[in-house]
C-alpha atoms as a PDB file:
ATOM      1  CA  UNK A   1      -8.076  25.804  11.585  1.00  0.00           C
ATOM      2  CA  UNK A   2      -9.333  22.361  10.691  1.00  0.00           C
ATOM      3  CA  UNK A   3     -13.067  21.945  10.079  1.00  0.00           C
ATOM      4  CA  UNK A   4     -15.203  18.986  11.001  1.00  0.00           C
ATOM      5  CA  UNK A   5     -15.090  17.838   7.366  1.00  0.00           C
ATOM      6  CA  UNK A   6     -11.283  18.080   7.422  1.00  0.00           C
ATOM      7  CA  UNK A   7     -11.046  15.954  10.551  1.00  0.00           C
ATOM      8  CA  UNK A   8     -13.388  13.424   8.960  1.00  0.00           C
ATOM      9  CA  UNK A   9     -11.136  13.283   5.914  1.00  0.00           C
ATOM     10  CA  UNK A  10      -8.106  12.688   8.140  1.00  0.00           C
ATOM     11  CA  UNK A  11      -9.901   9.797   9.864  1.00  0.00           C
ATOM     12  CA  UNK A  12     -10.918   8.219   6.519  1.00  0.00           C
ATOM     13  CA  UNK A  13      -7.397   8.631   5.193  1.00  0.00           C
ATOM     14  CA  UNK A  14      -5.705   7.020   8.227  1.00  0.00           C
ATOM     15  CA  UNK A  15      -8.247   4.200   8.279  1.00  0.00           C
ATOM     16  CA  UNK A  16      -7.727   3.575   4.552  1.00  0.00           C
ATOM     17  CA  UNK A  17      -3.905   3.654   4.843  1.00  0.00           C
ATOM     18  CA  UNK A  18      -3.804   1.367   7.906  1.00  0.00           C
ATOM     19  CA  UNK A  19      -6.174  -1.230   6.400  1.00  0.00           C
ATOM     20  CA  UNK A  20      -4.428  -1.116   3.018  1.00  0.00           C
ATOM     21  CA  UNK A  21      -1.012  -1.616   4.633  1.00  0.00           C
ATOM     22  CA  UNK A  22      -2.157  -4.522   6.704  1.00  0.00           C
ATOM     23  CA  UNK A  23      -3.740  -6.268   3.687  1.00  0.00           C
ATOM     24  CA  UNK A  24      -0.640  -5.670   1.574  1.00  0.00           C
ATOM     25  CA  UNK A  25       1.641  -7.114   4.231  1.00  0.00           C
ATOM     26  CA  UNK A  26      -0.528 -10.223   4.463  1.00  0.00           C
ATOM     27  CA  UNK A  27      -0.699 -10.696   0.707  1.00  0.00           C
ATOM     28  CA  UNK A  28       2.722  -9.349  -0.117  1.00  0.00           C
ATOM     29  CA  UNK A  29       4.797 -11.367   2.337  1.00  0.00           C
ATOM     30  CA  UNK A  30       4.196 -14.839   0.828  1.00  0.00           C
ATOM     31  CA  UNK A  31       4.269 -13.399  -2.718  1.00  0.00           C
ATOM     32  CA  UNK A  32       7.628 -11.638  -2.093  1.00  0.00           C
ATOM     33  CA  UNK A  33       9.043 -14.746  -0.416  1.00  0.00           C
ATOM     34  CA  UNK A  34       8.121 -16.865  -3.405  1.00  0.00           C
ATOM     35  CA  UNK A  35       9.487 -14.377  -5.851  1.00  0.00           C
ATOM     36  CA  UNK A  36      12.794 -14.158  -3.962  1.00  0.00           C
ATOM     37  CA  UNK A  37      13.153 -17.969  -4.014  1.00  0.00           C
ATOM     38  CA  UNK A  38      11.671 -19.138  -7.293  1.00  0.00           C
ATOM     39  CA  UNK A  39      13.672 -19.979 -10.329  1.00  0.00           C
ATOM     40  CA  UNK A  40      10.656 -19.765 -12.672  1.00  0.00           C
ATOM     41  CA  UNK A  41      11.907 -18.418 -15.966  1.00  0.00           C
ATOM     42  CA  UNK A  42       8.902 -16.145 -16.483  1.00  0.00           C
ATOM     43  CA  UNK A  43       9.083 -14.483 -13.064  1.00  0.00           C
ATOM     44  CA  UNK A  44       9.829 -11.200 -14.785  1.00  0.00           C
ATOM     45  CA  UNK A  45       6.259 -11.170 -16.166  1.00  0.00           C
ATOM     46  CA  UNK A  46       4.810 -11.180 -12.679  1.00  0.00           C
ATOM     47  CA  UNK A  47       7.331  -8.584 -11.500  1.00  0.00           C
ATOM     48  CA  UNK A  48       6.262  -6.339 -14.366  1.00  0.00           C
ATOM     49  CA  UNK A  49       2.555  -6.688 -13.474  1.00  0.00           C
ATOM     50  CA  UNK A  50       3.246  -5.848  -9.803  1.00  0.00           C
ATOM     51  CA  UNK A  51       5.382  -2.836 -10.773  1.00  0.00           C
ATOM     52  CA  UNK A  52       2.834  -1.537 -13.330  1.00  0.00           C
ATOM     53  CA  UNK A  53       1.285   1.033 -10.947  1.00  0.00           C
ATOM     54  CA  UNK A  54       4.725   2.728 -10.745  1.00  0.00           C
ATOM     55  CA  UNK A  55       4.470   3.856 -14.344  1.00  0.00           C
ATOM     56  CA  UNK A  56       0.755   3.728 -15.130  1.00  0.00           C
ATOM     57  CA  UNK A  57      -1.102   7.079 -14.675  1.00  0.00           C
ATOM     58  CA  UNK A  58      -3.317   6.836 -11.617  1.00  0.00           C
ATOM     59  CA  UNK A  59      -6.384   7.951 -13.539  1.00  0.00           C
ATOM     60  CA  UNK A  60      -5.920   5.109 -16.067  1.00  0.00           C
ATOM     61  CA  UNK A  61      -5.736   2.513 -13.294  1.00  0.00           C
ATOM     62  CA  UNK A  62      -8.628   4.223 -11.513  1.00  0.00           C
ATOM     63  CA  UNK A  63     -10.731   4.215 -14.665  1.00  0.00           C
ATOM     64  CA  UNK A  64     -10.342   0.462 -15.282  1.00  0.00           C
ATOM     65  CA  UNK A  65     -11.026  -0.271 -11.596  1.00  0.00           C
ATOM     66  CA  UNK A  66     -14.159   1.872 -11.797  1.00  0.00           C
ATOM     67  CA  UNK A  67     -15.305  -0.026 -14.846  1.00  0.00           C
ATOM     68  CA  UNK A  68     -14.639  -3.371 -13.114  1.00  0.00           C
ATOM     69  CA  UNK A  69     -16.246  -2.413  -9.804  1.00  0.00           C
ATOM     70  CA  UNK A  70     -19.172  -0.491 -11.296  1.00  0.00           C
ATOM     71  CA  UNK A  71     -22.668  -1.993 -11.791  1.00  0.00           C
ATOM     72  CA  UNK A  72     -21.902  -2.955 -15.392  1.00  0.00           C
ATOM     73  CA  UNK A  73     -18.465  -4.409 -14.651  1.00  0.00           C
ATOM     74  CA  UNK A  74     -17.740  -8.044 -13.848  1.00  0.00           C
ATOM     75  CA  UNK A  75     -17.168  -7.450 -10.147  1.00  0.00           C
ATOM     76  CA  UNK A  76     -20.053  -5.023  -9.758  1.00  0.00           C
ATOM     77  CA  UNK A  77     -22.464  -7.266 -11.676  1.00  0.00           C
ATOM     78  CA  UNK A  78     -21.447 -10.188  -9.440  1.00  0.00           C
ATOM     79  CA  UNK A  79     -22.091  -8.082  -6.321  1.00  0.00           C
ATOM     80  CA  UNK A  80     -25.562  -7.161  -7.559  1.00  0.00           C
ATOM     81  CA  UNK A  81     -26.281 -10.801  -8.342  1.00  0.00           C
ATOM     82  CA  UNK A  82     -25.394 -11.666  -4.762  1.00  0.00           C
ATOM     83  CA  UNK A  83     -27.725  -8.915  -3.529  1.00  0.00           C
ATOM     84  CA  UNK A  84     -24.977  -6.480  -2.546  1.00  0.00           C
ATOM     85  CA  UNK A  85     -24.285  -3.021  -3.910  1.00  0.00           C
ATOM     86  CA  UNK A  86     -21.459  -2.446  -6.422  1.00  0.00           C
ATOM     87  CA  UNK A  87     -18.133  -1.542  -4.900  1.00  0.00           C
ATOM     88  CA  UNK A  88     -17.628   1.697  -6.853  1.00  0.00           C
ATOM     89  CA  UNK A  89     -17.934   4.825  -4.721  1.00  0.00           C
ATOM     90  CA  UNK A  90     -17.645   2.848  -1.459  1.00  0.00           C
ATOM     91  CA  UNK A  91     -14.902   2.578   1.179  1.00  0.00           C
ATOM     92  CA  UNK A  92     -14.414  -1.072   0.247  1.00  0.00           C
ATOM     93  CA  UNK A  93     -13.801  -0.037  -3.366  1.00  0.00           C
ATOM     94  CA  UNK A  94     -11.188   2.453  -2.077  1.00  0.00           C
ATOM     95  CA  UNK A  95      -9.423  -0.296  -0.211  1.00  0.00           C
ATOM     96  CA  UNK A  96      -9.306  -2.565  -3.291  1.00  0.00           C
ATOM     97  CA  UNK A  97      -7.947   0.257  -5.465  1.00  0.00           C
ATOM     98  CA  UNK A  98      -5.394   1.289  -2.829  1.00  0.00           C
ATOM     99  CA  UNK A  99      -4.109  -2.264  -2.403  1.00  0.00           C
ATOM    100  CA  UNK A 100      -3.538  -2.579  -6.167  1.00  0.00           C
ATOM    101  CA  UNK A 101      -2.008   0.882  -6.533  1.00  0.00           C
ATOM    102  CA  UNK A 102       0.340   0.579  -3.549  1.00  0.00           C
ATOM    103  CA  UNK A 103       1.370  -3.089  -4.087  1.00  0.00           C
ATOM    104  CA  UNK A 104       4.796  -2.420  -5.578  1.00  0.00           C
ATOM    105  CA  UNK A 105       5.739  -0.183  -2.651  1.00  0.00           C
ATOM    106  CA  UNK A 106       5.269  -3.167  -0.294  1.00  0.00           C
ATOM    107  CA  UNK A 107       6.153  -6.203  -2.382  1.00  0.00           C
ATOM    108  CA  UNK A 108       9.462  -4.857  -3.815  1.00  0.00           C
ATOM    109  CA  UNK A 109      11.044  -3.947  -0.444  1.00  0.00           C
ATOM    110  CA  UNK A 110       9.983  -7.288   0.979  1.00  0.00           C
ATOM    111  CA  UNK A 111      11.360  -9.128  -1.983  1.00  0.00           C
ATOM    112  CA  UNK A 112      14.687  -7.294  -1.740  1.00  0.00           C
ATOM    113  CA  UNK A 113      14.852  -8.046   1.990  1.00  0.00           C
ATOM    114  CA  UNK A 114      14.189 -11.746   1.521  1.00  0.00           C
ATOM    115  CA  UNK A 115      16.745 -11.876  -1.301  1.00  0.00           C
ATOM    116  CA  UNK A 116      19.307 -10.222   0.983  1.00  0.00           C
ATOM    117  CA  UNK A 117      18.798 -12.962   3.597  1.00  0.00           C
ATOM    118  CA  UNK A 118      20.459 -15.420   1.183  1.00  0.00           C
ATOM    119  CA  UNK A 119      20.284 -19.211   1.214  1.00  0.00           C
ATOM    120  CA  UNK A 120      23.076 -19.938   3.672  1.00  0.00           C
ATOM    121  CA  UNK A 121      21.213 -19.224   6.955  1.00  0.00           C
ATOM    122  CA  UNK A 122      18.267 -21.239   5.782  1.00  0.00           C
ATOM    123  CA  UNK A 123      20.498 -24.136   4.728  1.00  0.00           C
ATOM    124  CA  UNK A 124      22.148 -24.158   8.148  1.00  0.00           C
ATOM    125  CA  UNK A 125      18.774 -24.190   9.869  1.00  0.00           C
ATOM    126  CA  UNK A 126      17.737 -27.096   7.597  1.00  0.00           C
ATOM    127  CA  UNK A 127      20.757 -29.111   8.793  1.00  0.00           C
ATOM    128  CA  UNK A 128      19.420 -28.638  12.298  1.00  0.00           C
ATOM    129  CA  UNK A 129      16.155 -30.250  11.153  1.00  0.00           C
ATOM    130  CA  UNK A 130      14.137 -27.066  11.154  1.00  0.00           C
ATOM    131  CA  UNK A 131      11.001 -27.350   9.000  1.00  0.00           C
ATOM    132  CA  UNK A 132      10.425 -24.931   6.068  1.00  0.00           C
ATOM    133  CA  UNK A 133       7.814 -23.112   8.116  1.00  0.00           C
ATOM    134  CA  UNK A 134      10.241 -22.837  11.086  1.00  0.00           C
ATOM    135  CA  UNK A 135      12.960 -21.554   8.855  1.00  0.00           C
ATOM    136  CA  UNK A 136      10.659 -18.894   7.471  1.00  0.00           C
ATOM    137  CA  UNK A 137       9.390 -17.557  10.803  1.00  0.00           C
ATOM    138  CA  UNK A 138      12.592 -17.949  12.853  1.00  0.00           C
ATOM    139  CA  UNK A 139      15.255 -17.131  10.250  1.00  0.00           C
ATOM    140  CA  UNK A 140      13.837 -15.267   7.221  1.00  0.00           C
ATOM    141  CA  UNK A 141      11.364 -12.984   9.032  1.00  0.00           C
ATOM    142  CA  UNK A 142      13.728 -11.708  11.723  1.00  0.00           C
ATOM    143  CA  UNK A 143      16.557 -11.066   9.216  1.00  0.00           C
ATOM    144  CA  UNK A 144      14.139  -9.288   6.903  1.00  0.00           C
ATOM    145  CA  UNK A 145      12.599  -7.061   9.585  1.00  0.00           C
ATOM    146  CA  UNK A 146      14.093  -3.797   8.180  1.00  0.00           C
ATOM    147  CA  UNK A 147      12.453  -4.598   4.894  1.00  0.00           C
ATOM    148  CA  UNK A 148       9.106  -5.101   6.620  1.00  0.00           C
ATOM    149  CA  UNK A 149       9.458  -1.712   8.303  1.00  0.00           C
ATOM    150  CA  UNK A 150      10.361  -0.005   4.963  1.00  0.00           C
ATOM    151  CA  UNK A 151       7.514  -1.768   3.163  1.00  0.00           C
ATOM    152  CA  UNK A 152       5.000  -0.768   5.876  1.00  0.00           C
ATOM    153  CA  UNK A 153       6.018   2.920   5.901  1.00  0.00           C
ATOM    154  CA  UNK A 154       6.182   3.208   2.108  1.00  0.00           C
ATOM    155  CA  UNK A 155       2.797   1.470   1.659  1.00  0.00           C
ATOM    156  CA  UNK A 156       1.205   3.635   4.338  1.00  0.00           C
ATOM    157  CA  UNK A 157       2.690   6.861   3.065  1.00  0.00           C
ATOM    158  CA  UNK A 158       1.818   6.086  -0.590  1.00  0.00           C
ATOM    159  CA  UNK A 159      -1.765   5.354   0.301  1.00  0.00           C
ATOM    160  CA  UNK A 160      -2.101   8.621   2.231  1.00  0.00           C
ATOM    161  CA  UNK A 161      -0.887  10.560  -0.805  1.00  0.00           C
ATOM    162  CA  UNK A 162      -3.211   8.943  -3.360  1.00  0.00           C
ATOM    163  CA  UNK A 163      -5.431  11.217  -5.426  1.00  0.00           C
ATOM    164  CA  UNK A 164      -6.269  10.026  -8.928  1.00  0.00           C
ATOM    165  CA  UNK A 165      -7.106   6.448  -8.086  1.00  0.00           C
ATOM    166  CA  UNK A 166      -9.221   7.238  -5.015  1.00  0.00           C
ATOM    167  CA  UNK A 167     -11.050  10.047  -6.845  1.00  0.00           C
ATOM    168  CA  UNK A 168     -11.976   7.775  -9.736  1.00  0.00           C
ATOM    169  CA  UNK A 169     -13.102   4.845  -7.620  1.00  0.00           C
ATOM    170  CA  UNK A 170     -14.526   6.523  -4.508  1.00  0.00           C
ATOM    171  CA  UNK A 171     -15.595   9.921  -5.742  1.00  0.00           C
ATOM    172  CA  UNK A 172     -15.792  12.623  -3.094  1.00  0.00           C
ATOM    173  CA  UNK A 173     -18.297  11.509  -0.453  1.00  0.00           C
ATOM    174  CA  UNK A 174     -17.647  13.264   2.891  1.00  0.00           C
ATOM    175  CA  UNK A 175     -17.195  10.882   5.789  1.00  0.00           C
ATOM    176  CA  UNK A 176     -16.982   7.817   3.498  1.00  0.00           C
ATOM    177  CA  UNK A 177     -14.636   8.230   0.546  1.00  0.00           C
ATOM    178  CA  UNK A 178     -13.286  11.781   0.919  1.00  0.00           C
ATOM    179  CA  UNK A 179      -9.589  11.518   1.766  1.00  0.00           C
ATOM    180  CA  UNK A 180      -7.067  14.200   2.612  1.00  0.00           C
ATOM    181  CA  UNK A 181      -5.746  14.759  -0.901  1.00  0.00           C
ATOM    182  CA  UNK A 182      -9.289  15.280  -2.214  1.00  0.00           C
ATOM    183  CA  UNK A 183     -10.147  17.569   0.684  1.00  0.00           C
ATOM    184  CA  UNK A 184      -7.097  19.720  -0.164  1.00  0.00           C
ATOM    185  CA  UNK A 185      -8.235  19.923  -3.794  1.00  0.00           C
ATOM    186  CA  UNK A 186     -11.701  20.999  -2.749  1.00  0.00           C
ATOM    187  CA  UNK A 187     -10.296  23.811  -0.561  1.00  0.00           C
ATOM    188  CA  UNK A 188      -8.022  25.003  -3.403  1.00  0.00           C
ATOM    189  CA  UNK A 189     -10.968  25.000  -5.794  1.00  0.00           C
ATOM    190  CA  UNK A 190     -12.968  27.033  -3.310  1.00  0.00           C
ATOM    191  CA  UNK A 191      -9.966  29.363  -2.858  1.00  0.00           C
ATOM    192  CA  UNK A 192      -9.847  28.435   0.879  1.00  0.00           C
ATOM    193  CA  UNK A 193      -6.063  28.491   0.948  1.00  0.00           C
ATOM    194  CA  UNK A 194      -5.764  28.630   4.755  1.00  0.00           C
ATOM    195  CA  UNK A 195      -7.521  25.291   5.104  1.00  0.00           C
ATOM    196  CA  UNK A 196      -5.498  23.864   2.236  1.00  0.00           C
ATOM    197  CA  UNK A 197      -2.297  24.995   4.032  1.00  0.00           C
ATOM    198  CA  UNK A 198      -3.308  23.254   7.244  1.00  0.00           C
ATOM    199  CA  UNK A 199      -4.085  19.943   5.527  1.00  0.00           C
ATOM    200  CA  UNK A 200      -1.041  20.135   3.257  1.00  0.00           C
ATOM    201  CA  UNK A 201       1.112  20.829   6.284  1.00  0.00           C
ATOM    202  CA  UNK A 202      -0.266  17.706   8.006  1.00  0.00           C
ATOM    203  CA  UNK A 203       0.581  15.572   5.005  1.00  0.00           C
ATOM    204  CA  UNK A 204       4.011  17.155   4.608  1.00  0.00           C
ATOM    205  CA  UNK A 205       5.061  16.598   8.191  1.00  0.00           C
ATOM    206  CA  UNK A 206       3.603  13.096   8.348  1.00  0.00           C
ATOM    207  CA  UNK A 207       5.388  12.047   5.099  1.00  0.00           C
ATOM    208  CA  UNK A 208       8.672  13.635   6.229  1.00  0.00           C
ATOM    209  CA  UNK A 209       8.754  11.935   9.612  1.00  0.00           C
ATOM    210  CA  UNK A 210       7.805   8.525   8.156  1.00  0.00           C
ATOM    211  CA  UNK A 211      10.689   8.751   5.613  1.00  0.00           C
ATOM    212  CA  UNK A 212      12.996   9.970   8.326  1.00  0.00           C
ATOM    213  CA  UNK A 213      12.184   6.902  10.353  1.00  0.00           C
ATOM    214  CA  UNK A 214      12.887   4.629   7.369  1.00  0.00           C
ATOM    215  CA  UNK A 215      16.285   6.138   6.622  1.00  0.00           C
ATOM    216  CA  UNK A 216      17.253   6.246  10.315  1.00  0.00           C
ATOM    217  CA  UNK A 217      16.368   2.578  10.805  1.00  0.00           C
ATOM    218  CA  UNK A 218      18.162   1.497   7.645  1.00  0.00           C
ATOM    219  CA  UNK A 219      21.228   3.454   8.650  1.00  0.00           C
ATOM    220  CA  UNK A 220      21.221   1.902  12.089  1.00  0.00           C
ATOM    221  CA  UNK A 221      20.821  -1.631  10.610  1.00  0.00           C
ATOM    222  CA  UNK A 222      23.762  -1.062   8.269  1.00  0.00           C
ATOM    223  CA  UNK A 223      25.877   0.125  11.197  1.00  0.00           C
ATOM    224  CA  UNK A 224      24.982  -2.848  13.402  1.00  0.00           C
ATOM    225  CA  UNK A 225      25.272  -5.460  10.676  1.00  0.00           C
ATOM    226  CA  UNK A 226      28.595  -7.306  11.013  1.00  0.00           C
END
């Protein structure tokens, strides 16, 4: 059965994944739109930076974030100057690390979705005197909705499964920074395999059903698309 600490880890994990996904959608949507439209010759440099968490070991990214957010880092020192505590080993620090680590899982699907929209529908809307903002919200967003769904699910699922980054930045503080993956590790270390099975089963089922929803929606969209 799940203990009170396990339930607390589930709450922290869902809170972290939800907040991270919302932030990534807000930041990633204009970024992905710009990247799908720009002709900047050095766009590949920005794409490489965004995709870096895909190949960078999580502990490496977590280490540099820990240095930056710690009391001797630039961000941590600034926070202390402003009278606030450093962001390392706090939930806010977890959110910052999760946003950076999960960014490619949100930005890339959105960029692909906006690219698939093409220029023709937007040009037609422009001939009808639709403003750039109107074209974005009434043409681009509706046509890219499957990409938004995919980006949301992948960003949410990837955040739930984080381990190295959240452990380096947040540590293992029950009720504040202890997430599901760390709770499972603690149970395994203590040879409490029954508890580890319960939590692992929750993650397994949640991840499976989220991916199932993504593939089902994408399949339906391909069938309905003329």
